[in-house]
Structure formats: C-alpha cells, structure tokens
C-alpha cells in the first residue's frame, strides 16, 4: 500500500522537481527575504509598544518592561526609571 501511495502522489521522482524547481526556489527566496525585512520592524514595534504601555497609565510594571526590553537590573536605579531612560534614548528624547 505504501508503494502504491507514493506512485499515486508522484513522490520520489525527479520529474516533479524538474517541473516545479523555479517556483519552489522563488518561494523559498521570497520567504527568507520577508523574514529578513520584517525582523527590524517587528523589533521596533515591540519596543514602541512596551514603552507606550510603560508610560501610559502604568499598564505594565518596570520589571515587566525590563524583561520585554531584555535589559538587566541595576542596583542604583529603579526598574521603571531604568526602562524609561532606555525608552527616552531609543526615541532620541535625551
């Protein structure tokens, strides 16, 4: 049964690859390019969203903001002020 299924689906044959190689190669290239282009904008959105939530009505705590922004705690600074300082620097406000 397994061998019959492979013949019906035309698997393990060179003919399928020869007919579809241009499409598969183009689709793979476009998918990799989309990931390459999306990563910086997705990171920018994540930082802007976190900073907005931090500064508007205390929607998240300073500790949560440090985790989302992947910052380390400093003993001399409060978590919220450290995250706000990072956000100000990211937006070019200081």
Protein backbone atom coordinates (compact mmCIF):
# COMPACT_ATOMS: atom_id res chain seq x y z
CA UNK A 1 0.00 0.00 0.00
CA UNK A 2 2.84 2.42 0.86
CA UNK A 3 4.49 1.95 -2.54
CA UNK A 4 1.19 2.42 -4.36
CA UNK A 5 0.57 5.68 -2.47
CA UNK A 6 3.99 7.00 -3.48
CA UNK A 7 3.22 6.30 -7.13
CA UNK A 8 -0.18 7.99 -6.93
CA UNK A 9 1.24 11.12 -5.32
CA UNK A 10 4.25 11.06 -7.66
CA UNK A 11 6.71 11.18 -4.77
CA UNK A 12 10.39 10.25 -5.01
CA UNK A 13 10.64 11.14 -8.66
CA UNK A 14 12.84 13.65 -10.37
CA UNK A 15 10.06 14.76 -12.71
CA UNK A 16 8.19 16.72 -10.05
CA UNK A 17 11.31 18.66 -9.04
CA UNK A 18 12.18 19.38 -12.66
CA UNK A 19 8.72 20.85 -13.27
CA UNK A 20 8.49 22.89 -10.05
CA UNK A 21 12.05 23.88 -9.17
CA UNK A 22 11.72 27.50 -10.29
CA UNK A 23 8.58 28.04 -8.26
CA UNK A 24 9.96 26.34 -5.14
CA UNK A 25 13.24 28.25 -5.34
CA UNK A 26 11.47 31.59 -5.84
CA UNK A 27 9.05 30.88 -2.99
CA UNK A 28 11.90 29.96 -0.64
CA UNK A 29 13.83 33.10 -1.58
CA UNK A 30 10.77 35.32 -1.05
CA UNK A 31 10.05 33.72 2.34
CA UNK A 32 13.63 34.29 3.53
CA UNK A 33 13.60 37.86 2.22
CA UNK A 34 10.29 38.55 4.02
CA UNK A 35 11.76 37.32 7.31
CA UNK A 36 14.88 39.44 6.74
CA UNK A 37 12.82 42.59 6.07
CA UNK A 38 10.28 42.01 8.86
CA UNK A 39 12.67 41.44 11.78
CA UNK A 40 13.80 45.06 12.32
CA UNK A 41 10.29 46.46 12.03
CA UNK A 42 8.90 43.80 14.37
CA UNK A 43 11.56 44.62 16.96
CA UNK A 44 10.86 48.34 16.58
CA UNK A 45 7.14 47.74 17.11
CA UNK A 46 7.85 45.63 20.21
CA UNK A 47 9.99 48.37 21.78
CA UNK A 48 7.49 51.11 20.92
CA UNK A 49 4.60 49.05 22.30
CA UNK A 50 6.42 48.30 25.54
CA UNK A 51 7.48 51.93 26.03
CA UNK A 52 3.95 53.13 25.30
CA UNK A 53 2.45 50.74 27.82
CA UNK A 54 5.05 51.75 30.37
CA UNK A 55 4.35 55.47 30.02
CA UNK A 56 0.56 55.38 29.70
CA UNK A 57 -1.37 54.85 32.90
CA UNK A 58 1.08 52.31 34.34
CA UNK A 59 -0.24 49.41 32.22
CA UNK A 60 2.89 47.35 32.90
CA UNK A 61 5.37 47.43 35.73
CA UNK A 62 9.00 48.38 35.42
CA UNK A 63 10.06 44.78 35.99
CA UNK A 64 7.89 43.57 33.10
CA UNK A 65 9.30 46.31 30.88
CA UNK A 66 12.85 45.25 31.70
CA UNK A 67 12.03 41.67 30.75
CA UNK A 68 10.36 42.66 27.47
CA UNK A 69 13.18 45.05 26.55
CA UNK A 70 15.81 42.47 27.62
CA UNK A 71 17.55 44.88 29.97
CA UNK A 72 19.42 43.92 33.12
CA UNK A 73 18.63 45.40 36.52
CA UNK A 74 20.96 47.92 38.09
CA UNK A 75 21.19 48.30 41.85
CA UNK A 76 21.32 52.12 41.80
CA UNK A 77 18.18 52.61 39.67
CA UNK A 78 14.51 51.80 39.96
CA UNK A 79 13.20 49.39 37.30
CA UNK A 80 10.70 51.90 35.94
CA UNK A 81 13.21 54.74 35.70
CA UNK A 82 15.75 52.49 34.00
CA UNK A 83 13.17 51.38 31.41
CA UNK A 84 12.05 55.00 30.91
CA UNK A 85 15.67 56.06 30.41
CA UNK A 86 16.07 53.35 27.74
CA UNK A 87 12.85 54.42 26.03
CA UNK A 88 13.92 58.07 26.02
CA UNK A 89 17.24 57.10 24.46
CA UNK A 90 15.52 54.86 21.90
CA UNK A 91 13.24 57.67 20.78
CA UNK A 92 16.02 60.26 20.90
CA UNK A 93 14.45 62.36 23.64
CA UNK A 94 17.59 62.82 25.72
